[in-house]
Amino acid sequence: MPLRFLVDESCDYIVVQALRQAGHDVLAVVESLRGAEDQKVAEYAWREKRIVITEDKDFGRLVYAQRQAQTGVVLVRFPASRRADLCPALLSLIQRYENQLAGTFVVLQPERVRFRKLPE
């Protein structure tokens, strides 16, 4: 079953394309919520039961400090020198851990993945 994602404006559009090509249900902030503040993006993702994919570390603050409810968050941290590895790593993460992404804050880095349960 395809997962439902909301890709933040901070991510390259190639992420949206790769997820769609893989058959996932993907909304892009740049297409439907352009310019929305992080709080609005987070609220929309929660209402629509979508996992946020972002490169914006502020989502950690929203989730943990401000207790903003979320379906799930994948924070992507890839340096410019490793950008070519981003989409393959993200697709691999989703394929391998698809049943564990909901309810989790994931930090995806080259050769490293960290999972932390979302606050209730």
PDB file of N, CA and C in Angstrom:
ATOM      1  N   MET A   1       0.847  -1.181   0.000  1.00  0.00           N
ATOM      2  CA  MET A   1       0.000   0.000   0.000  1.00  0.00           C
ATOM      3  C   MET A   1       0.892   1.243   0.000  1.00  0.00           C
ATOM      4  N   PRO A   2       0.669   2.180  -0.910  1.00  0.00           N
ATOM      5  CA  PRO A   2       1.520   3.366  -0.953  1.00  0.00           C
ATOM      6  C   PRO A   2       1.322   4.230   0.293  1.00  0.00           C
ATOM      7  N   LEU A   3       2.396   4.836   0.733  1.00  0.00           N
ATOM      8  CA  LEU A   3       2.325   5.734   1.878  1.00  0.00           C
ATOM      9  C   LEU A   3       1.933   7.126   1.405  1.00  0.00           C
ATOM     10  N   ARG A   4       1.459   7.931   2.350  1.00  0.00           N
ATOM     11  CA  ARG A   4       1.034   9.308   2.058  1.00  0.00           C
ATOM     12  C   ARG A   4       2.069  10.273   2.631  1.00  0.00           C
ATOM     13  N   PHE A   5       2.615  11.111   1.759  1.00  0.00           N
ATOM     14  CA  PHE A   5       3.664  12.041   2.162  1.00  0.00           C
ATOM     15  C   PHE A   5       3.280  13.482   1.827  1.00  0.00           C
ATOM     16  N   LEU A   6       3.840  14.390   2.606  1.00  0.00           N
ATOM     17  CA  LEU A   6       3.796  15.816   2.310  1.00  0.00           C
ATOM     18  C   LEU A   6       5.253  16.272   2.286  1.00  0.00           C
ATOM     19  N   VAL A   7       5.733  16.672   1.118  1.00  0.00           N
ATOM     20  CA  VAL A   7       7.131  17.067   0.961  1.00  0.00           C
ATOM     21  C   VAL A   7       7.233  18.581   1.114  1.00  0.00           C
ATOM     22  N   ASP A   8       8.001  18.995   2.092  1.00  0.00           N
ATOM     23  CA  ASP A   8       8.193  20.404   2.422  1.00  0.00           C
ATOM     24  C   ASP A   8       8.944  21.135   1.305  1.00  0.00           C
ATOM     25  N   GLU A   9       8.766  22.458   1.268  1.00  0.00           N
ATOM     26  CA  GLU A   9       9.454  23.290   0.277  1.00  0.00           C
ATOM     27  C   GLU A   9      10.969  23.231   0.417  1.00  0.00           C
ATOM     28  N   SER A  10      11.458  22.870   1.575  1.00  0.00           N
ATOM     29  CA  SER A  10      12.905  22.823   1.793  1.00  0.00           C
ATOM     30  C   SER A  10      13.573  21.698   1.003  1.00  0.00           C
ATOM     31  N   CYS A  11      12.797  20.741   0.528  1.00  0.00           N
ATOM     32  CA  CYS A  11      13.338  19.601  -0.225  1.00  0.00           C
ATOM     33  C   CYS A  11      13.394  19.906  -1.713  1.00  0.00           C
ATOM     34  N   ASP A  12      14.378  19.343  -2.373  1.00  0.00           N
ATOM     35  CA  ASP A  12      14.455  19.438  -3.823  1.00  0.00           C
ATOM     36  C   ASP A  12      13.240  18.754  -4.439  1.00  0.00           C
ATOM     37  N   TYR A  13      12.747  19.309  -5.541  1.00  0.00           N
ATOM     38  CA  TYR A  13      11.564  18.743  -6.193  1.00  0.00           C
ATOM     39  C   TYR A  13      11.816  17.321  -6.703  1.00  0.00           C
ATOM     40  N   ILE A  14      13.050  16.978  -6.905  1.00  0.00           N
ATOM     41  CA  ILE A  14      13.372  15.620  -7.354  1.00  0.00           C
ATOM     42  C   ILE A  14      12.895  14.570  -6.348  1.00  0.00           C
ATOM     43  N   VAL A  15      12.812  14.953  -5.079  1.00  0.00           N
ATOM     44  CA  VAL A  15      12.291  14.050  -4.048  1.00  0.00           C
ATOM     45  C   VAL A  15      10.817  13.742  -4.336  1.00  0.00           C
ATOM     46  N   VAL A  16      10.051  14.759  -4.664  1.00  0.00           N
ATOM     47  CA  VAL A  16       8.632  14.584  -5.007  1.00  0.00           C
ATOM     48  C   VAL A  16       8.513  13.639  -6.194  1.00  0.00           C
ATOM     49  N   GLN A  17       9.293  13.878  -7.224  1.00  0.00           N
ATOM     50  CA  GLN A  17       9.231  13.058  -8.429  1.00  0.00           C
ATOM     51  C   GLN A  17       9.605  11.608  -8.147  1.00  0.00           C
ATOM     52  N   ALA A  18      10.649  11.388  -7.364  1.00  0.00           N
ATOM     53  CA  ALA A  18      11.085  10.027  -7.055  1.00  0.00           C
ATOM     54  C   ALA A  18      10.020   9.272  -6.270  1.00  0.00           C
ATOM     55  N   LEU A  19       9.411   9.937  -5.299  1.00  0.00           N
ATOM     56  CA  LEU A  19       8.363   9.290  -4.509  1.00  0.00           C
ATOM     57  C   LEU A  19       7.142   8.964  -5.370  1.00  0.00           C
ATOM     58  N   ARG A  20       6.770   9.868  -6.231  1.00  0.00           N
ATOM     59  CA  ARG A  20       5.630   9.621  -7.127  1.00  0.00           C
ATOM     60  C   ARG A  20       5.926   8.481  -8.085  1.00  0.00           C
ATOM     61  N   GLN A  21       7.132   8.450  -8.638  1.00  0.00           N
ATOM     62  CA  GLN A  21       7.507   7.362  -9.544  1.00  0.00           C
ATOM     63  C   GLN A  21       7.475   6.014  -8.833  1.00  0.00           C
ATOM     64  N   ALA A  22       7.739   6.024  -7.542  1.00  0.00           N
ATOM     65  CA  ALA A  22       7.706   4.790  -6.753  1.00  0.00           C
ATOM     66  C   ALA A  22       6.278   4.402  -6.358  1.00  0.00           C
ATOM     67  N   GLY A  23       5.296   5.236  -6.730  1.00  0.00           N
ATOM     68  CA  GLY A  23       3.895   4.898  -6.497  1.00  0.00           C
ATOM     69  C   GLY A  23       3.282   5.435  -5.226  1.00  0.00           C
ATOM     70  N   HIS A  24       3.976   6.338  -4.550  1.00  0.00           N
ATOM     71  CA  HIS A  24       3.446   6.891  -3.311  1.00  0.00           C
ATOM     72  C   HIS A  24       2.514   8.071  -3.575  1.00  0.00           C
ATOM     73  N   ASP A  25       1.627   8.310  -2.629  1.00  0.00           N
ATOM     74  CA  ASP A  25       0.693   9.436  -2.663  1.00  0.00           C
ATOM     75  C   ASP A  25       1.441  10.632  -2.086  1.00  0.00           C
ATOM     76  N   VAL A  26       1.815  11.581  -2.940  1.00  0.00           N
ATOM     77  CA  VAL A  26       2.682  12.678  -2.525  1.00  0.00           C
ATOM     78  C   VAL A  26       2.051  14.026  -2.845  1.00  0.00           C
ATOM     79  N   LEU A  27       1.984  14.877  -1.834  1.00  0.00           N
ATOM     80  CA  LEU A  27       1.643  16.278  -2.031  1.00  0.00           C
ATOM     81  C   LEU A  27       2.914  17.079  -1.792  1.00  0.00           C
ATOM     82  N   ALA A  28       3.125  18.077  -2.627  1.00  0.00           N
ATOM     83  CA  ALA A  28       4.289  18.942  -2.484  1.00  0.00           C
ATOM     84  C   ALA A  28       3.826  20.295  -1.984  1.00  0.00           C
ATOM     85  N   VAL A  29       4.441  20.782  -0.921  1.00  0.00           N
ATOM     86  CA  VAL A  29       4.106  22.097  -0.384  1.00  0.00           C
ATOM     87  C   VAL A  29       4.255  23.150  -1.476  1.00  0.00           C
ATOM     88  N   VAL A  30       5.272  23.030  -2.305  1.00  0.00           N
ATOM     89  CA  VAL A  30       5.509  24.003  -3.363  1.00  0.00           C
ATOM     90  C   VAL A  30       4.343  24.056  -4.355  1.00  0.00           C
ATOM     91  N   GLU A  31       3.577  22.995  -4.471  1.00  0.00           N
ATOM     92  CA  GLU A  31       2.439  22.951  -5.392  1.00  0.00           C
ATOM     93  C   GLU A  31       1.130  23.407  -4.750  1.00  0.00           C
ATOM     94  N   SER A  32       0.940  23.087  -3.483  1.00  0.00           N
ATOM     95  CA  SER A  32      -0.374  23.329  -2.896  1.00  0.00           C
ATOM     96  C   SER A  32      -0.389  24.275  -1.694  1.00  0.00           C
ATOM     97  N   LEU A  33       0.737  24.482  -1.040  1.00  0.00           N
ATOM     98  CA  LEU A  33       0.789  25.350   0.142  1.00  0.00           C
ATOM     99  C   LEU A  33       1.962  26.323   0.055  1.00  0.00           C
ATOM    100  N   ARG A  34       2.325  26.699  -1.130  1.00  0.00           N
ATOM    101  CA  ARG A  34       3.519  27.525  -1.357  1.00  0.00           C
ATOM    102  C   ARG A  34       3.599  28.687  -0.365  1.00  0.00           C
ATOM    103  N   GLY A  35       4.746  28.804   0.294  1.00  0.00           N
ATOM    104  CA  GLY A  35       4.981  29.908   1.209  1.00  0.00           C
ATOM    105  C   GLY A  35       4.377  29.745   2.592  1.00  0.00           C
ATOM    106  N   ALA A  36       3.695  28.634   2.841  1.00  0.00           N
ATOM    107  CA  ALA A  36       3.072  28.423   4.152  1.00  0.00           C
ATOM    108  C   ALA A  36       4.138  28.286   5.234  1.00  0.00           C
ATOM    109  N   GLU A  37       3.842  28.804   6.409  1.00  0.00           N
ATOM    110  CA  GLU A  37       4.758  28.672   7.530  1.00  0.00           C
ATOM    111  C   GLU A  37       4.767  27.220   8.011  1.00  0.00           C
ATOM    112  N   ASP A  38       5.852  26.856   8.688  1.00  0.00           N
ATOM    113  CA  ASP A  38       6.019  25.478   9.132  1.00  0.00           C
ATOM    114  C   ASP A  38       4.830  24.981   9.954  1.00  0.00           C
ATOM    115  N   GLN A  39       4.313  25.817  10.828  1.00  0.00           N
ATOM    116  CA  GLN A  39       3.171  25.427  11.667  1.00  0.00           C
ATOM    117  C   GLN A  39       1.978  25.012  10.808  1.00  0.00           C
ATOM    118  N   LYS A  40       1.692  25.772   9.761  1.00  0.00           N
ATOM    119  CA  LYS A  40       0.573  25.462   8.864  1.00  0.00           C
ATOM    120  C   LYS A  40       0.838  24.172   8.094  1.00  0.00           C
ATOM    121  N   VAL A  41       2.058  23.986   7.665  1.00  0.00           N
ATOM    122  CA  VAL A  41       2.432  22.751   6.966  1.00  0.00           C
ATOM    123  C   VAL A  41       2.239  21.556   7.896  1.00  0.00           C
ATOM    124  N   ALA A  42       2.697  21.689   9.130  1.00  0.00           N
ATOM    125  CA  ALA A  42       2.562  20.613  10.116  1.00  0.00           C
ATOM    126  C   ALA A  42       1.096  20.306  10.404  1.00  0.00           C
ATOM    127  N   GLU A  43       0.291  21.331  10.561  1.00  0.00           N
ATOM    128  CA  GLU A  43      -1.138  21.128  10.824  1.00  0.00           C
ATOM    129  C   GLU A  43      -1.818  20.432   9.652  1.00  0.00           C
ATOM    130  N   TYR A  44      -1.486  20.850   8.447  1.00  0.00           N
ATOM    131  CA  TYR A  44      -2.066  20.236   7.256  1.00  0.00           C
ATOM    132  C   TYR A  44      -1.672  18.766   7.164  1.00  0.00           C
ATOM    133  N   ALA A  45      -0.404  18.471   7.397  1.00  0.00           N
ATOM    134  CA  ALA A  45       0.063  17.077   7.349  1.00  0.00           C
ATOM    135  C   ALA A  45      -0.685  16.223   8.366  1.00  0.00           C
ATOM    136  N   TRP A  46      -0.899  16.740   9.566  1.00  0.00           N
ATOM    137  CA  TRP A  46      -1.609  16.009  10.615  1.00  0.00           C
ATOM    138  C   TRP A  46      -3.052  15.746  10.197  1.00  0.00           C
ATOM    139  N   ARG A  47      -3.732  16.772   9.707  1.00  0.00           N
ATOM    140  CA  ARG A  47      -5.132  16.624   9.271  1.00  0.00           C
ATOM    141  C   ARG A  47      -5.270  15.591   8.156  1.00  0.00           C
ATOM    142  N   GLU A  48      -4.314  15.601   7.238  1.00  0.00           N
ATOM    143  CA  GLU A  48      -4.373  14.726   6.069  1.00  0.00           C
ATOM    144  C   GLU A  48      -3.695  13.367   6.314  1.00  0.00           C
ATOM    145  N   LYS A  49      -3.181  13.167   7.519  1.00  0.00           N
ATOM    146  CA  LYS A  49      -2.486  11.920   7.882  1.00  0.00           C
ATOM    147  C   LYS A  49      -1.348  11.611   6.908  1.00  0.00           C
ATOM    148  N   ARG A  50      -0.500  12.619   6.713  1.00  0.00           N
ATOM    149  CA  ARG A  50       0.642  12.485   5.815  1.00  0.00           C
ATOM    150  C   ARG A  50       1.941  12.584   6.610  1.00  0.00           C
ATOM    151  N   ILE A  51       2.921  11.839   6.191  1.00  0.00           N
ATOM    152  CA  ILE A  51       4.254  11.888   6.778  1.00  0.00           C
ATOM    153  C   ILE A  51       5.005  13.028   6.101  1.00  0.00           C
ATOM    154  N   VAL A  52       5.559  13.924   6.898  1.00  0.00           N
ATOM    155  CA  VAL A  52       6.299  15.070   6.377  1.00  0.00           C
ATOM    156  C   VAL A  52       7.721  14.642   6.028  1.00  0.00           C
ATOM    157  N   ILE A  53       8.162  15.046   4.855  1.00  0.00           N
ATOM    158  CA  ILE A  53       9.566  14.901   4.481  1.00  0.00           C
ATOM    159  C   ILE A  53      10.105  16.320   4.357  1.00  0.00           C
ATOM    160  N   THR A  54      11.156  16.604   5.102  1.00  0.00           N
ATOM    161  CA  THR A  54      11.669  17.964   5.171  1.00  0.00           C
ATOM    162  C   THR A  54      13.180  17.972   5.342  1.00  0.00           C
ATOM    163  N   GLU A  55      13.764  19.113   5.029  1.00  0.00           N
ATOM    164  CA  GLU A  55      15.173  19.359   5.347  1.00  0.00           C
ATOM    165  C   GLU A  55      15.280  20.489   6.363  1.00  0.00           C
ATOM    166  N   ASP A  56      14.155  20.878   6.918  1.00  0.00           N
ATOM    167  CA  ASP A  56      14.050  21.997   7.855  1.00  0.00           C
ATOM    168  C   ASP A  56      14.074  21.467   9.290  1.00  0.00           C
ATOM    169  N   LYS A  57      15.146  21.780  10.020  1.00  0.00           N
ATOM    170  CA  LYS A  57      15.289  21.298  11.397  1.00  0.00           C
ATOM    171  C   LYS A  57      14.232  21.876  12.335  1.00  0.00           C
ATOM    172  N   ASP A  58      13.536  22.926  11.914  1.00  0.00           N
ATOM    173  CA  ASP A  58      12.480  23.508  12.756  1.00  0.00           C
ATOM    174  C   ASP A  58      11.349  22.520  13.031  1.00  0.00           C
ATOM    175  N   PHE A  59      11.197  21.500  12.211  1.00  0.00           N
ATOM    176  CA  PHE A  59      10.150  20.511  12.471  1.00  0.00           C
ATOM    177  C   PHE A  59      10.434  19.736  13.757  1.00  0.00           C
ATOM    178  N   GLY A  60      11.687  19.598  14.115  1.00  0.00           N
ATOM    179  CA  GLY A  60      12.021  18.984  15.399  1.00  0.00           C
ATOM    180  C   GLY A  60      11.504  19.823  16.553  1.00  0.00           C
ATOM    181  N   ARG A  61      11.687  21.137  16.444  1.00  0.00           N
ATOM    182  CA  ARG A  61      11.173  22.048  17.472  1.00  0.00           C
ATOM    183  C   ARG A  61       9.654  21.982  17.541  1.00  0.00           C
ATOM    184  N   LEU A  62       9.000  21.982  16.392  1.00  0.00           N
ATOM    185  CA  LEU A  62       7.533  21.910  16.368  1.00  0.00           C
ATOM    186  C   LEU A  62       7.024  20.646  17.056  1.00  0.00           C
ATOM    187  N   VAL A  63       7.657  19.543  16.752  1.00  0.00           N
ATOM    188  CA  VAL A  63       7.193  18.254  17.272  1.00  0.00           C
ATOM    189  C   VAL A  63       7.530  18.071  18.750  1.00  0.00           C
ATOM    190  N   TYR A  64       8.753  18.397  19.142  1.00  0.00           N
ATOM    191  CA  TYR A  64       9.175  18.090  20.512  1.00  0.00           C
ATOM    192  C   TYR A  64       8.996  19.251  21.490  1.00  0.00           C
ATOM    193  N   ALA A  65       9.313  20.468  21.101  1.00  0.00           N
ATOM    194  CA  ALA A  65       9.191  21.600  22.020  1.00  0.00           C
ATOM    195  C   ALA A  65       7.763  22.132  22.065  1.00  0.00           C
ATOM    196  N   GLN A  66       7.127  22.215  20.897  1.00  0.00           N
ATOM    197  CA  GLN A  66       5.771  22.761  20.849  1.00  0.00           C
ATOM    198  C   GLN A  66       4.695  21.685  20.839  1.00  0.00           C
ATOM    199  N   ARG A  67       5.119  20.427  20.824  1.00  0.00           N
ATOM    200  CA  ARG A  67       4.190  19.275  20.899  1.00  0.00           C
ATOM    201  C   ARG A  67       3.160  19.267  19.773  1.00  0.00           C
ATOM    202  N   GLN A  68       3.563  19.717  18.583  1.00  0.00           N
ATOM    203  CA  GLN A  68       2.689  19.690  17.410  1.00  0.00           C
ATOM    204  C   GLN A  68       2.492  18.244  16.985  1.00  0.00           C
ATOM    205  N   ALA A  69       1.265  17.764  17.010  1.00  0.00           N
ATOM    206  CA  ALA A  69       0.971  16.386  16.633  1.00  0.00           C
ATOM    207  C   ALA A  69       1.349  16.156  15.175  1.00  0.00           C
ATOM    208  N   GLN A  70       1.910  15.000  14.902  1.00  0.00           N
ATOM    209  CA  GLN A  70       2.309  14.628  13.546  1.00  0.00           C
ATOM    210  C   GLN A  70       2.058  13.156  13.304  1.00  0.00           C
ATOM    211  N   THR A  71       1.814  12.812  12.050  1.00  0.00           N
ATOM    212  CA  THR A  71       1.707  11.414  11.648  1.00  0.00           C
ATOM    213  C   THR A  71       3.095  10.794  11.644  1.00  0.00           C
ATOM    214  N   GLY A  72       4.066  11.556  11.186  1.00  0.00           N
ATOM    215  CA  GLY A  72       5.453  11.121  11.119  1.00  0.00           C
ATOM    216  C   GLY A  72       6.264  12.199  10.428  1.00  0.00           C
ATOM    217  N   VAL A  73       7.564  12.202  10.677  1.00  0.00           N
ATOM    218  CA  VAL A  73       8.462  13.179  10.062  1.00  0.00           C
ATOM    219  C   VAL A  73       9.738  12.467   9.649  1.00  0.00           C
ATOM    220  N   VAL A  74      10.199  12.757   8.427  1.00  0.00           N
ATOM    221  CA  VAL A  74      11.512  12.311   7.980  1.00  0.00           C
ATOM    222  C   VAL A  74      12.321  13.577   7.727  1.00  0.00           C
ATOM    223  N   LEU A  75      13.320  13.801   8.557  1.00  0.00           N
ATOM    224  CA  LEU A  75      14.221  14.945   8.413  1.00  0.00           C
ATOM    225  C   LEU A  75      15.437  14.470   7.629  1.00  0.00           C
ATOM    226  N   VAL A  76      15.636  15.044   6.460  1.00  0.00           N
ATOM    227  CA  VAL A  76      16.721  14.660   5.572  1.00  0.00           C
ATOM    228  C   VAL A  76      17.908  15.585   5.817  1.00  0.00           C
ATOM    229  N   ARG A  77      19.074  14.996   6.065  1.00  0.00           N
ATOM    230  CA  ARG A  77      20.298  15.769   6.331  1.00  0.00           C
ATOM    231  C   ARG A  77      21.405  15.232   5.414  1.00  0.00           C
ATOM    232  N   PHE A  78      21.433  15.694   4.179  1.00  0.00           N
ATOM    233  CA  PHE A  78      22.441  15.264   3.212  1.00  0.00           C
ATOM    234  C   PHE A  78      23.247  16.476   2.772  1.00  0.00           C
ATOM    235  N   PRO A  79      24.570  16.448   2.911  1.00  0.00           N
ATOM    236  CA  PRO A  79      25.389  17.573   2.460  1.00  0.00           C
ATOM    237  C   PRO A  79      25.388  17.659   0.935  1.00  0.00           C
ATOM    238  N   ALA A  80      25.767  18.801   0.428  1.00  0.00           N
ATOM    239  CA  ALA A  80      25.785  19.021  -1.022  1.00  0.00           C
ATOM    240  C   ALA A  80      26.611  17.954  -1.748  1.00  0.00           C
ATOM    241  N   SER A  81      27.674  17.524  -1.139  1.00  0.00           N
ATOM    242  CA  SER A  81      28.550  16.531  -1.781  1.00  0.00           C
ATOM    243  C   SER A  81      27.900  15.152  -1.909  1.00  0.00           C
ATOM    244  N   ARG A  82      26.782  14.930  -1.214  1.00  0.00           N
ATOM    245  CA  ARG A  82      26.113  13.618  -1.235  1.00  0.00           C
ATOM    246  C   ARG A  82      24.686  13.689  -1.785  1.00  0.00           C
ATOM    247  N   ARG A  83      24.314  14.797  -2.420  1.00  0.00           N
ATOM    248  CA  ARG A  83      22.937  14.982  -2.902  1.00  0.00           C
ATOM    249  C   ARG A  83      22.503  13.892  -3.876  1.00  0.00           C
ATOM    250  N   ALA A  84      23.417  13.362  -4.661  1.00  0.00           N
ATOM    251  CA  ALA A  84      23.057  12.313  -5.623  1.00  0.00           C
ATOM    252  C   ALA A  84      22.562  11.051  -4.924  1.00  0.00           C
ATOM    253  N   ASP A  85      22.931  10.874  -3.670  1.00  0.00           N
ATOM    254  CA  ASP A  85      22.528   9.690  -2.906  1.00  0.00           C
ATOM    255  C   ASP A  85      21.197   9.864  -2.188  1.00  0.00           C
ATOM    256  N   LEU A  86      20.664  11.070  -2.182  1.00  0.00           N
ATOM    257  CA  LEU A  86      19.470  11.375  -1.396  1.00  0.00           C
ATOM    258  C   LEU A  86      18.255  10.533  -1.772  1.00  0.00           C
ATOM    259  N   CYS A  87      17.835  10.582  -3.023  1.00  0.00           N
ATOM    260  CA  CYS A  87      16.619   9.858  -3.428  1.00  0.00           C
ATOM    261  C   CYS A  87      16.758   8.346  -3.253  1.00  0.00           C
ATOM    262  N   PRO A  88      17.866   7.736  -3.681  1.00  0.00           N
ATOM    263  CA  PRO A  88      18.000   6.301  -3.432  1.00  0.00           C
ATOM    264  C   PRO A  88      17.945   5.954  -1.940  1.00  0.00           C
ATOM    265  N   ALA A  89      18.564   6.786  -1.106  1.00  0.00           N
ATOM    266  CA  ALA A  89      18.546   6.526   0.343  1.00  0.00           C
ATOM    267  C   ALA A  89      17.138   6.670   0.909  1.00  0.00           C
ATOM    268  N   LEU A  90      16.403   7.677   0.461  1.00  0.00           N
ATOM    269  CA  LEU A  90      15.042   7.889   0.936  1.00  0.00           C
ATOM    270  C   LEU A  90      14.128   6.746   0.508  1.00  0.00           C
ATOM    271  N   LEU A  91      14.216   6.346  -0.742  1.00  0.00           N
ATOM    272  CA  LEU A  91      13.384   5.232  -1.228  1.00  0.00           C
ATOM    273  C   LEU A  91      13.731   3.929  -0.512  1.00  0.00           C
ATOM    274  N   SER A  92      14.996   3.720  -0.246  1.00  0.00           N
ATOM    275  CA  SER A  92      15.418   2.534   0.499  1.00  0.00           C
ATOM    276  C   SER A  92      14.864   2.561   1.927  1.00  0.00           C
ATOM    277  N   LEU A  93      14.933   3.718   2.570  1.00  0.00           N
ATOM    278  CA  LEU A  93      14.374   3.877   3.913  1.00  0.00           C
ATOM    279  C   LEU A  93      12.889   3.519   3.921  1.00  0.00           C
ATOM    280  N   ILE A  94      12.143   4.056   2.970  1.00  0.00           N
ATOM    281  CA  ILE A  94      10.698   3.820   2.917  1.00  0.00           C
ATOM    282  C   ILE A  94      10.402   2.348   2.674  1.00  0.00           C
ATOM    283  N   GLN A  95      11.115   1.746   1.749  1.00  0.00           N
ATOM    284  CA  GLN A  95      10.887   0.332   1.448  1.00  0.00           C
ATOM    285  C   GLN A  95      11.216  -0.539   2.658  1.00  0.00           C
ATOM    286  N   ARG A  96      12.296  -0.241   3.308  1.00  0.00           N
ATOM    287  CA  ARG A  96      12.757  -1.080   4.423  1.00  0.00           C
ATOM    288  C   ARG A  96      11.952  -0.880   5.708  1.00  0.00           C
ATOM    289  N   TYR A  97      11.519   0.372   5.968  1.00  0.00           N
ATOM    290  CA  TYR A  97      10.892   0.690   7.242  1.00  0.00           C
ATOM    291  C   TYR A  97       9.470   1.232   7.103  1.00  0.00           C
ATOM    292  N   GLU A  98       8.791   0.949   5.999  1.00  0.00           N
ATOM    293  CA  GLU A  98       7.491   1.580   5.748  1.00  0.00           C
ATOM    294  C   GLU A  98       6.500   1.406   6.896  1.00  0.00           C
ATOM    295  N   ASN A  99       6.536   0.303   7.598  1.00  0.00           N
ATOM    296  CA  ASN A  99       5.604   0.073   8.708  1.00  0.00           C
ATOM    297  C   ASN A  99       6.025   0.770   9.995  1.00  0.00           C
ATOM    298  N   GLN A 100       7.195   1.377  10.004  1.00  0.00           N
ATOM    299  CA  GLN A 100       7.692   2.037  11.200  1.00  0.00           C
ATOM    300  C   GLN A 100       7.744   3.562  11.081  1.00  0.00           C
ATOM    301  N   LEU A 101       7.385   4.100   9.935  1.00  0.00           N
ATOM    302  CA  LEU A 101       7.507   5.545   9.729  1.00  0.00           C
ATOM    303  C   LEU A 101       6.409   6.335  10.442  1.00  0.00           C
ATOM    304  N   ALA A 102       5.198   5.819  10.467  1.00  0.00           N
ATOM    305  CA  ALA A 102       4.116   6.506  11.177  1.00  0.00           C
ATOM    306  C   ALA A 102       4.426   6.478  12.671  1.00  0.00           C
ATOM    307  N   GLY A 103       4.248   7.619  13.324  1.00  0.00           N
ATOM    308  CA  GLY A 103       4.503   7.707  14.760  1.00  0.00           C
ATOM    309  C   GLY A 103       5.960   7.903  15.118  1.00  0.00           C
ATOM    310  N   THR A 104       6.777   8.220  14.117  1.00  0.00           N
ATOM    311  CA  THR A 104       8.223   8.298  14.328  1.00  0.00           C
ATOM    312  C   THR A 104       8.806   9.568  13.721  1.00  0.00           C
ATOM    313  N   PHE A 105       9.828  10.099  14.366  1.00  0.00           N
ATOM    314  CA  PHE A 105      10.647  11.178  13.817  1.00  0.00           C
ATOM    315  C   PHE A 105      11.936  10.511  13.364  1.00  0.00           C
ATOM    316  N   VAL A 106      12.203  10.550  12.063  1.00  0.00           N
ATOM    317  CA  VAL A 106      13.363   9.880  11.487  1.00  0.00           C
ATOM    318  C   VAL A 106      14.340  10.936  10.990  1.00  0.00           C
ATOM    319  N   VAL A 107      15.605  10.744  11.297  1.00  0.00           N
ATOM    320  CA  VAL A 107      16.655  11.588  10.724  1.00  0.00           C
ATOM    321  C   VAL A 107      17.440  10.701   9.767  1.00  0.00           C
ATOM    322  N   LEU A 108      17.395  11.077   8.488  1.00  0.00           N
ATOM    323  CA  LEU A 108      18.073  10.315   7.442  1.00  0.00           C
ATOM    324  C   LEU A 108      19.319  11.060   7.000  1.00  0.00           C
ATOM    325  N   GLN A 109      20.474  10.404   7.178  1.00  0.00           N
ATOM    326  CA  GLN A 109      21.766  10.955   6.778  1.00  0.00           C
ATOM    327  C   GLN A 109      22.481   9.900   5.937  1.00  0.00           C
ATOM    328  N   PRO A 110      23.514  10.296   5.212  1.00  0.00           N
ATOM    329  CA  PRO A 110      24.268   9.277   4.480  1.00  0.00           C
ATOM    330  C   PRO A 110      24.784   8.204   5.444  1.00  0.00           C
ATOM    331  N   GLU A 111      24.481   6.979   5.127  1.00  0.00           N
ATOM    332  CA  GLU A 111      24.905   5.817   5.927  1.00  0.00           C
ATOM    333  C   GLU A 111      24.434   5.831   7.375  1.00  0.00           C
ATOM    334  N   ARG A 112      23.399   6.611   7.685  1.00  0.00           N
ATOM    335  CA  ARG A 112      22.906   6.643   9.061  1.00  0.00           C
ATOM    336  C   ARG A 112      21.422   6.997   9.088  1.00  0.00           C
ATOM    337  N   VAL A 113      20.671   6.248   9.899  1.00  0.00           N
ATOM    338  CA  VAL A 113      19.256   6.528  10.095  1.00  0.00           C
ATOM    339  C   VAL A 113      18.984   6.455  11.590  1.00  0.00           C
ATOM    340  N   ARG A 114      18.322   7.493  12.111  1.00  0.00           N
ATOM    341  CA  ARG A 114      17.945   7.500  13.530  1.00  0.00           C
ATOM    342  C   ARG A 114      16.429   7.599  13.642  1.00  0.00           C
ATOM    343  N   PHE A 115      15.870   6.797  14.527  1.00  0.00           N
ATOM    344  CA  PHE A 115      14.434   6.780  14.767  1.00  0.00           C
ATOM    345  C   PHE A 115      14.168   7.245  16.194  1.00  0.00           C
ATOM    346  N   ARG A 116      13.167   8.082  16.332  1.00  0.00           N
ATOM    347  CA  ARG A 116      12.737   8.510  17.675  1.00  0.00           C
ATOM    348  C   ARG A 116      11.214   8.556  17.661  1.00  0.00           C
ATOM    349  N   LYS A 117      10.618   7.962  18.646  1.00  0.00           N
ATOM    350  CA  LYS A 117       9.164   7.943  18.727  1.00  0.00           C
ATOM    351  C   LYS A 117       8.627   9.370  18.923  1.00  0.00           C
ATOM    352  N   LEU A 118       7.540   9.664  18.236  1.00  0.00           N
ATOM    353  CA  LEU A 118       6.910  10.973  18.393  1.00  0.00           C
ATOM    354  C   LEU A 118       6.247  11.074  19.757  1.00  0.00           C
ATOM    355  N   PRO A 119       6.212  12.266  20.349  1.00  0.00           N
ATOM    356  CA  PRO A 119       5.513  12.424  21.632  1.00  0.00           C
ATOM    357  C   PRO A 119       4.018  12.222  21.432  1.00  0.00           C
ATOM    358  N   GLU A 120       3.394  11.744  22.476  1.00  0.00           N
ATOM    359  CA  GLU A 120       1.941  11.527  22.395  1.00  0.00           C
ATOM    360  C   GLU A 120       1.178  12.650  23.052  1.00  0.00           C
TER     361      GLU A 120
END
